[in-house]
């Protein structure tokens, strides 16, 4: 379970910013939207609002970049490869300074207890400058390892997996975490596996192959149909069929080469069943290819391969532009799946950026579930929740009306746009 994620000096984030899924202790808020692990009360869902270009997508990009480096830099990169992290470029003092990331999370142990971990890393374009891992089993936080550039200091008492290899094999452009896991480290292996199960995607370009892969592994097509029908889409069933691969592409010569090379190549296609009528009498089912379906139906099909396994097994799902091509009521009902303990038995967490302000209500969200992102006058992004205001937002406040009125910030400055257009 995710507790917090912190980023500093990455793209539009200049100063240190922390996104948290810790819930407040206010018992007047919606209890079903939170759950407890050890002494921590955590949120099941959170929504991030903000104007275009405010930095919402950058927060998702920061998490994705951090996870990819932490997991893959050991086994996948080579000596001398650039790290590929972009600092805040609108301040000359920040351009050559390192970026910083930290994540705090809970992992379940074999005996069903939970351990809290805190992992952080500071790096520039070429080197890891700092890296650390802490753990809390009961009360005290214990340092498992510390790294200052290439000086790595493992805690032999609490981190025995460090004895299995020499720290000299850790490259200056690789995370020590990934190298330990690559050498069969028990603790780091669990952490890497957890990082790999954090899904970060975009509602604009969610890939369909994820759902297809799940279907090929045995996912029940009827279950995906029910997921579509949950959104009041009139699809009566799904059917998979094999069709010849279409090699049409911008390079006609290469397309012709592929057709000749693989004349019998086939791929999978999903057909969508709709009721066929004779007047008002239902006669049969009629199947359409995905090209004939709405963008919203195809989007939900793509989401099914991500949302269903996370609800089944637990995990964390970050979706940028979650409401792209979806009606607000459909978005609302998907969020309710995660907030409902009947459907979300393993306390999966869902974090979304969204523009549908109709969802920003006290009947749907707690104040600590609504986050806002905006840029200051220096072009730097800042994130904050409704709980951060000096004057507390009333629990019965109409969040969306207050937001659109500019009370919470993080909205476009329409007056400036109007003035510029008049010029």
Protein backbone atom coordinates (compact mmCIF):
# COMPACT_ATOMS: atom_id res chain seq x y z
CA UNK A 1 0.00 0.00 0.00
CA UNK A 2 1.27 3.44 -0.90
CA UNK A 3 1.62 6.03 1.86
CA UNK A 4 3.54 8.90 0.23
CA UNK A 5 5.51 9.84 -2.86
CA UNK A 6 7.89 12.82 -2.91
CA UNK A 7 9.61 14.50 -5.86
CA UNK A 8 12.01 17.43 -6.11
CA UNK A 9 13.70 19.12 -9.08
CA UNK A 10 12.07 17.04 -11.79
CA UNK A 11 10.65 18.80 -14.86
CA UNK A 12 8.07 21.31 -13.60
CA UNK A 13 8.55 20.35 -9.93
CA UNK A 14 11.20 22.68 -8.54
CA UNK A 15 10.83 22.46 -4.76
CA UNK A 16 10.11 19.29 -2.83
CA UNK A 17 6.47 18.22 -3.22
CA UNK A 18 4.76 15.31 -1.46
CA UNK A 19 1.64 13.47 -2.57
CA UNK A 20 0.11 11.49 0.30
CA UNK A 21 -2.52 8.79 0.65
CA UNK A 22 -2.58 9.12 4.43
CA UNK A 23 -6.11 9.86 5.55
CA UNK A 24 -6.99 12.40 8.20
CA UNK A 25 -8.30 11.31 11.59
CA UNK A 26 -11.56 13.20 11.10
CA UNK A 27 -14.22 10.56 11.79
CA UNK A 28 -16.90 12.75 10.20
CA UNK A 29 -15.49 11.97 6.75
CA UNK A 30 -16.46 8.99 4.59
CA UNK A 31 -15.03 5.99 6.45
CA UNK A 32 -15.59 3.51 3.60
CA UNK A 33 -13.10 5.48 1.47
CA UNK A 34 -10.22 4.58 3.80
CA UNK A 35 -8.70 1.52 5.46
CA UNK A 36 -6.25 0.84 8.27
CA UNK A 37 -2.92 -0.99 8.12
CA UNK A 38 -0.99 -1.11 11.39
CA UNK A 39 -1.28 2.41 12.78
CA UNK A 40 -1.78 4.02 9.36
CA UNK A 41 -5.13 5.11 7.97
CA UNK A 42 -4.84 5.09 4.19
CA UNK A 43 -7.05 6.26 1.34
CA UNK A 44 -8.41 3.94 -1.32
CA UNK A 45 -8.77 6.65 -3.98
CA UNK A 46 -7.58 10.18 -4.68
CA UNK A 47 -8.35 12.69 -7.43
CA UNK A 48 -5.94 15.34 -8.74
CA UNK A 49 -7.36 18.48 -10.37
CA UNK A 50 -5.66 21.41 -12.04
CA UNK A 51 -5.51 23.60 -15.10
CA UNK A 52 -3.92 22.38 -18.33
CA UNK A 53 -0.09 22.41 -18.11
CA UNK A 54 -0.25 22.73 -14.32
CA UNK A 55 1.96 19.69 -13.73
CA UNK A 56 -0.57 16.90 -13.11
CA UNK A 57 0.90 14.67 -15.82
CA UNK A 58 4.41 15.48 -14.58
CA UNK A 59 3.58 13.95 -11.20
CA UNK A 60 2.62 10.69 -12.93
CA UNK A 61 5.74 10.93 -15.10
CA UNK A 62 7.90 11.47 -12.01
CA UNK A 63 6.57 8.32 -10.36
CA UNK A 64 6.97 6.31 -13.56
CA UNK A 65 10.56 7.53 -14.12
CA UNK A 66 11.49 6.81 -10.52
CA UNK A 67 10.05 3.29 -10.64
CA UNK A 68 11.69 2.45 -13.96
CA UNK A 69 15.11 3.57 -12.77
CA UNK A 70 14.80 1.85 -9.39
CA UNK A 71 13.76 -1.45 -11.00
CA UNK A 72 15.64 -1.58 -14.31
CA UNK A 73 18.86 0.39 -13.95
CA UNK A 74 20.78 -2.59 -12.54
CA UNK A 75 19.81 -5.34 -15.00
CA UNK A 76 19.06 -3.25 -18.10
CA UNK A 77 21.50 -0.33 -18.33
CA UNK A 78 25.21 -0.37 -19.13
CA UNK A 79 28.18 1.57 -17.78
CA UNK A 80 28.12 5.12 -19.10
CA UNK A 81 24.44 5.11 -20.10
CA UNK A 82 22.72 8.42 -19.27
CA UNK A 83 20.10 8.21 -16.54
CA UNK A 84 17.62 10.34 -18.47
CA UNK A 85 16.22 12.49 -15.66
CA UNK A 86 15.26 16.08 -16.56
CA UNK A 87 15.59 18.69 -13.78
CA UNK A 88 13.63 21.93 -13.43
CA UNK A 89 14.96 24.07 -16.31
CA UNK A 90 13.43 27.49 -15.52
CA UNK A 91 15.95 28.24 -12.76
CA UNK A 92 19.63 28.27 -13.70
CA UNK A 93 20.48 27.17 -10.15
CA UNK A 94 18.36 24.03 -10.52
CA UNK A 95 19.51 22.96 -13.98
CA UNK A 96 22.70 21.33 -12.68
CA UNK A 97 21.34 20.17 -9.35
CA UNK A 98 20.20 16.55 -8.78
CA UNK A 99 16.64 15.28 -8.75
CA UNK A 100 15.24 13.58 -5.67
CA UNK A 101 12.55 10.93 -5.22
CA UNK A 102 11.23 9.15 -2.15
CA UNK A 103 8.45 6.59 -1.64
CA UNK A 104 6.94 5.34 1.61
CA UNK A 105 4.89 2.15 1.43
CA UNK A 106 3.68 -0.94 3.29
CA UNK A 107 4.46 -4.54 2.36
CA UNK A 108 2.74 -7.62 3.74
CA UNK A 109 4.95 -10.32 5.27
CA UNK A 110 4.47 -14.08 5.17
CA UNK A 111 2.90 -14.03 8.65
CA UNK A 112 0.29 -11.46 7.47
CA UNK A 113 1.95 -8.61 9.38
CA UNK A 114 3.04 -5.46 7.56
CA UNK A 115 6.37 -3.63 7.33
CA UNK A 116 6.70 0.02 6.43
CA UNK A 117 9.54 0.92 4.07
CA UNK A 118 11.02 4.27 3.05
CA UNK A 119 13.20 4.29 -0.05
CA UNK A 120 14.81 7.38 -1.55
CA UNK A 121 17.28 8.25 -4.26
CA UNK A 122 19.05 11.40 -5.46
CA UNK A 123 20.60 11.43 -8.92
CA UNK A 124 21.76 13.59 -11.79
CA UNK A 125 22.09 12.80 -15.49
CA UNK A 126 25.04 10.45 -14.97
CA UNK A 127 25.30 9.32 -11.35
CA UNK A 128 23.43 8.16 -8.29
CA UNK A 129 24.48 10.62 -5.61
CA UNK A 130 22.49 9.26 -2.66
CA UNK A 131 20.32 6.23 -1.99
CA UNK A 132 18.81 4.77 1.17
CA UNK A 133 16.32 2.23 2.48
CA UNK A 134 14.65 2.24 5.90
CA UNK A 135 12.21 -0.22 7.47
CA UNK A 136 9.79 -0.07 10.40
CA UNK A 137 8.57 -3.39 11.76
CA UNK A 138 6.99 -2.18 14.98
CA UNK A 139 8.01 1.25 16.28
CA UNK A 140 11.61 2.12 15.46
CA UNK A 141 12.76 2.98 11.93
CA UNK A 142 15.92 1.06 11.06
CA UNK A 143 18.37 1.96 8.28
CA UNK A 144 18.93 -1.05 5.97
CA UNK A 145 21.47 0.62 3.73
CA UNK A 146 22.91 4.03 3.00
CA UNK A 147 24.71 5.20 -0.11
CA UNK A 148 26.72 8.34 -0.81
CA UNK A 149 27.83 8.08 -4.44
CA UNK A 150 29.81 4.79 -4.58
CA UNK A 151 30.23 4.47 -0.82
CA UNK A 152 27.52 1.94 0.12
CA UNK A 153 27.02 1.03 3.78
CA UNK A 154 24.65 -1.90 4.41
CA UNK A 155 23.36 -2.68 7.90
CA UNK A 156 24.69 -6.21 8.44
CA UNK A 157 22.26 -6.89 11.29
CA UNK A 158 19.08 -6.03 9.39
CA UNK A 159 20.16 -6.40 5.76
CA UNK A 160 21.99 -9.75 5.46
CA UNK A 161 21.46 -10.00 1.70
CA UNK A 162 24.27 -7.46 1.25
CA UNK A 163 26.76 -10.26 2.08
CA UNK A 164 25.95 -12.17 -1.12
CA UNK A 165 28.00 -9.86 -3.39
CA UNK A 166 30.51 -7.03 -3.31
CA UNK A 167 29.20 -3.46 -3.51
CA UNK A 168 32.00 -2.80 -6.01
CA UNK A 169 29.87 -4.33 -8.78
CA UNK A 170 27.24 -1.57 -8.40
CA UNK A 171 27.63 0.92 -11.24
CA UNK A 172 27.40 4.65 -10.54
CA UNK A 173 24.38 4.86 -12.89
CA UNK A 174 22.43 1.98 -11.29
CA UNK A 175 20.34 1.68 -8.16
CA UNK A 176 21.77 -0.49 -5.40
CA UNK A 177 18.21 -1.69 -4.79
CA UNK A 178 17.96 -3.28 -8.25
CA UNK A 179 21.42 -4.86 -8.03
CA UNK A 180 20.57 -6.46 -4.67
CA UNK A 181 17.33 -7.85 -6.09
CA UNK A 182 19.21 -9.12 -9.15
CA UNK A 183 21.45 -11.07 -6.77
CA UNK A 184 18.47 -12.81 -5.13
CA UNK A 185 18.04 -10.38 -2.26
CA UNK A 186 14.95 -11.31 -0.27
CA UNK A 187 13.92 -7.86 0.96
CA UNK A 188 14.87 -5.99 -2.19
CA UNK A 189 13.26 -8.68 -4.33
CA UNK A 190 9.95 -8.06 -2.54
CA UNK A 191 10.33 -4.32 -3.01
CA UNK A 192 11.17 -4.60 -6.70
CA UNK A 193 8.18 -6.89 -7.18
CA UNK A 194 5.99 -4.31 -5.43
CA UNK A 195 7.34 -1.51 -7.64
CA UNK A 196 6.61 -3.58 -10.74
CA UNK A 197 2.99 -3.92 -9.66
CA UNK A 198 2.45 -0.16 -9.42
CA UNK A 199 0.68 0.64 -12.68
CA UNK A 200 1.10 4.13 -14.14
CA UNK A 201 -0.85 4.78 -17.33
CA UNK A 202 -2.77 7.43 -19.24
CA UNK A 203 -6.45 7.57 -20.10
CA UNK A 204 -5.49 9.08 -23.44
CA UNK A 205 -3.47 6.13 -24.71
CA UNK A 206 -4.21 3.10 -22.50
CA UNK A 207 -2.94 0.16 -24.59
CA UNK A 208 -5.50 -2.52 -25.58
CA UNK A 209 -2.92 -5.31 -25.63
CA UNK A 210 -2.97 -5.50 -21.81
CA UNK A 211 -6.59 -6.68 -21.84
CA UNK A 212 -5.87 -9.00 -24.80
CA UNK A 213 -2.96 -10.57 -22.92
CA UNK A 214 -5.19 -11.13 -19.93
CA UNK A 215 -7.82 -12.76 -22.14
CA UNK A 216 -5.16 -15.01 -23.69
CA UNK A 217 -4.17 -16.06 -20.15
CA UNK A 218 -7.72 -17.18 -19.45
CA UNK A 219 -9.67 -14.11 -18.29
CA UNK A 220 -13.41 -14.76 -18.56
CA UNK A 221 -14.90 -12.75 -21.44
CA UNK A 222 -18.20 -12.69 -19.59
CA UNK A 223 -16.53 -10.88 -16.70
CA UNK A 224 -15.18 -8.19 -19.00
CA UNK A 225 -18.66 -7.93 -20.54
CA UNK A 226 -20.11 -7.33 -17.07
CA UNK A 227 -17.49 -4.63 -16.50
CA UNK A 228 -18.66 -2.88 -19.69
CA UNK A 229 -22.31 -3.32 -18.72
CA UNK A 230 -21.52 -1.87 -15.30
CA UNK A 231 -21.04 1.39 -17.19
CA UNK A 232 -24.46 0.96 -18.90
CA UNK A 233 -22.94 0.06 -22.24
CA UNK A 234 -25.24 -2.13 -24.36
CA UNK A 235 -22.67 -4.79 -25.18
CA UNK A 236 -24.20 -8.25 -24.70
CA UNK A 237 -21.03 -10.27 -25.03
CA UNK A 238 -17.52 -10.52 -26.41
CA UNK A 239 -15.97 -13.03 -28.81
CA UNK A 240 -12.34 -13.53 -29.77
CA UNK A 241 -11.42 -14.56 -33.27
CA UNK A 242 -8.26 -14.94 -35.32
CA UNK A 243 -7.86 -12.70 -38.36
CA UNK A 244 -5.05 -12.12 -40.90
CA UNK A 245 -2.53 -9.52 -39.74
CA UNK A 246 -2.86 -6.16 -41.48
CA UNK A 247 0.61 -5.06 -42.54
CA UNK A 248 -0.48 -1.63 -43.79
CA UNK A 249 2.11 0.94 -42.74
CA UNK A 250 3.74 4.15 -44.03
CA UNK A 251 6.55 2.24 -45.77
CA UNK A 252 4.81 0.28 -48.61
CA UNK A 253 7.96 -1.62 -49.56
CA UNK A 254 8.48 -2.88 -46.03
CA UNK A 255 4.78 -3.75 -45.77
CA UNK A 256 5.03 -5.79 -48.98
CA UNK A 257 8.15 -7.54 -47.64
CA UNK A 258 6.28 -8.54 -44.44
CA UNK A 259 3.29 -9.82 -46.39
CA UNK A 260 5.54 -12.08 -48.44
CA UNK A 261 7.63 -13.11 -45.44
CA UNK A 262 4.59 -13.96 -43.27
CA UNK A 263 1.71 -14.73 -45.65
CA UNK A 264 -0.25 -16.72 -43.04
CA UNK A 265 0.33 -14.40 -40.05
CA UNK A 266 -2.72 -14.02 -37.85
CA UNK A 267 -3.66 -11.94 -34.81
CA UNK A 268 -6.47 -11.75 -32.29
CA UNK A 269 -9.52 -9.55 -32.68
CA UNK A 270 -12.34 -8.89 -30.22
CA UNK A 271 -15.89 -8.70 -31.53
CA UNK A 272 -18.62 -6.90 -29.58
CA UNK A 273 -22.11 -8.45 -29.50
CA UNK A 274 -25.27 -6.32 -29.66
CA UNK A 275 -28.90 -7.40 -29.72
CA UNK A 276 -30.35 -7.84 -33.22
CA UNK A 277 -34.06 -7.03 -33.57
CA UNK A 278 -36.83 -7.66 -36.06
CA UNK A 279 -38.86 -4.57 -35.33
CA UNK A 280 -39.31 -4.74 -31.55
CA UNK A 281 -38.64 -8.47 -31.33
CA UNK A 282 -35.18 -9.63 -30.29
CA UNK A 283 -33.94 -12.21 -32.79
CA UNK A 284 -30.23 -12.81 -32.28
CA UNK A 285 -26.87 -11.16 -31.66
CA UNK A 286 -24.96 -9.01 -34.14
CA UNK A 287 -21.19 -8.69 -33.79
CA UNK A 288 -19.18 -5.53 -34.50
CA UNK A 289 -15.43 -5.12 -34.70
CA UNK A 290 -13.83 -2.60 -32.36
CA UNK A 291 -13.64 -0.05 -35.19
CA UNK A 292 -17.45 0.19 -35.10
CA UNK A 293 -17.58 0.74 -31.33
CA UNK A 294 -17.45 4.11 -29.59
CA UNK A 295 -14.19 5.44 -28.20
CA UNK A 296 -15.67 5.18 -24.71
CA UNK A 297 -16.48 1.47 -25.11
CA UNK A 298 -12.99 0.74 -26.40
CA UNK A 299 -11.51 2.75 -23.53
CA UNK A 300 -13.40 0.70 -20.96
CA UNK A 301 -12.27 -2.52 -22.65
CA UNK A 302 -8.67 -1.29 -22.35
CA UNK A 303 -9.20 -0.37 -18.69
CA UNK A 304 -10.63 -3.81 -17.90
CA UNK A 305 -7.25 -5.50 -18.25
CA UNK A 306 -5.77 -3.10 -15.70
CA UNK A 307 -8.58 -2.49 -13.20
CA UNK A 308 -9.89 -6.05 -12.76
CA UNK A 309 -6.57 -7.68 -11.72
CA UNK A 310 -5.78 -4.84 -9.31
CA UNK A 311 -9.18 -5.22 -7.67
CA UNK A 312 -8.65 -9.00 -7.57
CA UNK A 313 -5.18 -8.96 -6.03
CA UNK A 314 -4.62 -5.51 -4.56
CA UNK A 315 -2.15 -2.99 -5.92
CA UNK A 316 -1.91 0.62 -6.95
CA UNK A 317 -3.18 2.18 -10.16
CA UNK A 318 -2.26 5.70 -11.31
CA UNK A 319 -4.26 6.94 -14.32
CA UNK A 320 -3.55 10.35 -15.82
CA UNK A 321 -6.50 11.98 -17.64
CA UNK A 322 -8.75 9.25 -16.27
CA UNK A 323 -11.96 10.76 -17.63
CA UNK A 324 -10.76 11.04 -21.24
CA UNK A 325 -13.65 9.91 -23.52
CA UNK A 326 -15.71 8.71 -20.53
CA UNK A 327 -18.96 10.10 -19.14
CA UNK A 328 -18.59 11.44 -15.57
CA UNK A 329 -21.12 8.89 -14.27
CA UNK A 330 -18.98 6.05 -15.65
CA UNK A 331 -15.89 7.51 -14.00
CA UNK A 332 -17.86 7.89 -10.77
CA UNK A 333 -18.93 4.25 -10.75
CA UNK A 334 -15.41 2.97 -11.40
CA UNK A 335 -14.20 5.02 -8.44
CA UNK A 336 -17.01 3.53 -6.33
CA UNK A 337 -15.69 0.05 -7.16
CA UNK A 338 -12.44 0.94 -5.38
CA UNK A 339 -14.16 2.66 -2.45
CA UNK A 340 -16.52 -0.29 -1.92
CA UNK A 341 -15.08 -2.99 0.41
CA UNK A 342 -17.24 -5.65 -1.26
CA UNK A 343 -15.54 -5.17 -4.65
CA UNK A 344 -12.19 -4.01 -3.27
CA UNK A 345 -11.41 -6.72 -0.72
CA UNK A 346 -7.63 -6.29 -0.94
CA UNK A 347 -7.54 -2.49 -0.46
CA UNK A 348 -6.36 -1.63 -3.96
CA UNK A 349 -5.64 2.07 -4.42
CA UNK A 350 -6.61 4.28 -7.37
CA UNK A 351 -5.10 7.72 -8.06
CA UNK A 352 -6.40 9.75 -11.01
CA UNK A 353 -6.03 13.13 -12.60
CA UNK A 354 -9.32 14.40 -13.91
CA UNK A 355 -11.17 17.42 -15.30
CA UNK A 356 -14.73 16.31 -14.42
CA UNK A 357 -15.54 18.71 -11.60
CA UNK A 358 -18.99 17.14 -11.20
CA UNK A 359 -17.20 14.37 -9.30
CA UNK A 360 -15.74 16.83 -6.79
CA UNK A 361 -18.45 16.46 -4.15
CA UNK A 362 -18.51 15.64 -0.46
CA UNK A 363 -20.79 12.68 -1.20
CA UNK A 364 -18.10 11.15 -3.40
CA UNK A 365 -14.83 12.21 -1.79
CA UNK A 366 -13.34 13.21 1.51
CA UNK A 367 -11.39 16.46 1.67
CA UNK A 368 -8.12 14.55 1.98
CA UNK A 369 -8.88 12.68 -1.26
CA UNK A 370 -9.00 15.83 -3.41
CA UNK A 371 -5.64 17.15 -4.54
CA UNK A 372 -4.89 20.24 -6.59
CA UNK A 373 -1.93 21.10 -8.80
CA UNK A 374 -0.96 24.53 -10.09
CA UNK A 375 2.08 26.46 -11.25
CA UNK A 376 3.38 29.50 -9.40
CA UNK A 377 4.65 32.65 -11.10
CA UNK A 378 8.07 31.03 -11.60
CA UNK A 379 6.61 28.16 -13.64
CA UNK A 380 7.07 25.62 -10.84
CA UNK A 381 4.33 23.10 -10.02
CA UNK A 382 2.94 22.76 -6.51
CA UNK A 383 0.50 20.13 -5.19
CA UNK A 384 -1.75 20.37 -2.16
CA UNK A 385 -4.97 18.85 -0.85
CA UNK A 386 -8.09 20.49 0.53
CA UNK A 387 -6.79 19.56 3.98
CA UNK A 388 -3.86 21.98 3.53
CA UNK A 389 -5.89 25.18 3.74
CA UNK A 390 -5.34 27.37 6.81
CA UNK A 391 -9.09 27.77 7.09
CA UNK A 392 -10.41 24.19 6.99
CA UNK A 393 -12.81 23.35 4.20
CA UNK A 394 -16.12 22.47 5.81
CA UNK A 395 -17.01 18.80 5.51
CA UNK A 396 -20.37 19.77 3.99
CA UNK A 397 -18.87 22.27 1.54
CA UNK A 398 -19.78 22.08 -2.13
CA UNK A 399 -16.26 21.34 -3.38
CA UNK A 400 -16.84 21.74 -7.11
CA UNK A 401 -18.61 25.11 -6.90
CA UNK A 402 -15.91 26.50 -4.61
CA UNK A 403 -13.21 25.13 -6.92
CA UNK A 404 -14.74 26.68 -10.06
CA UNK A 405 -15.13 29.96 -8.18
CA UNK A 406 -11.36 29.97 -7.66
CA UNK A 407 -11.43 29.46 -3.89
CA UNK A 408 -8.90 26.61 -3.98
CA UNK A 409 -6.75 27.81 -6.90
CA UNK A 410 -5.50 25.38 -9.57
CA UNK A 411 -7.82 26.71 -12.32
CA UNK A 412 -7.04 28.54 -15.58
CA UNK A 413 -6.89 32.32 -15.34
CA UNK A 414 -9.72 33.04 -17.78
CA UNK A 415 -9.37 36.81 -17.42
CA UNK A 416 -5.78 36.68 -18.69
CA UNK A 417 -6.85 34.47 -21.60
CA UNK A 418 -9.65 36.91 -22.49
CA UNK A 419 -7.33 39.92 -22.34
CA UNK A 420 -4.74 38.24 -24.52
CA UNK A 421 -7.39 37.34 -27.11
CA UNK A 422 -8.67 40.91 -27.17
CA UNK A 423 -5.18 42.16 -27.92
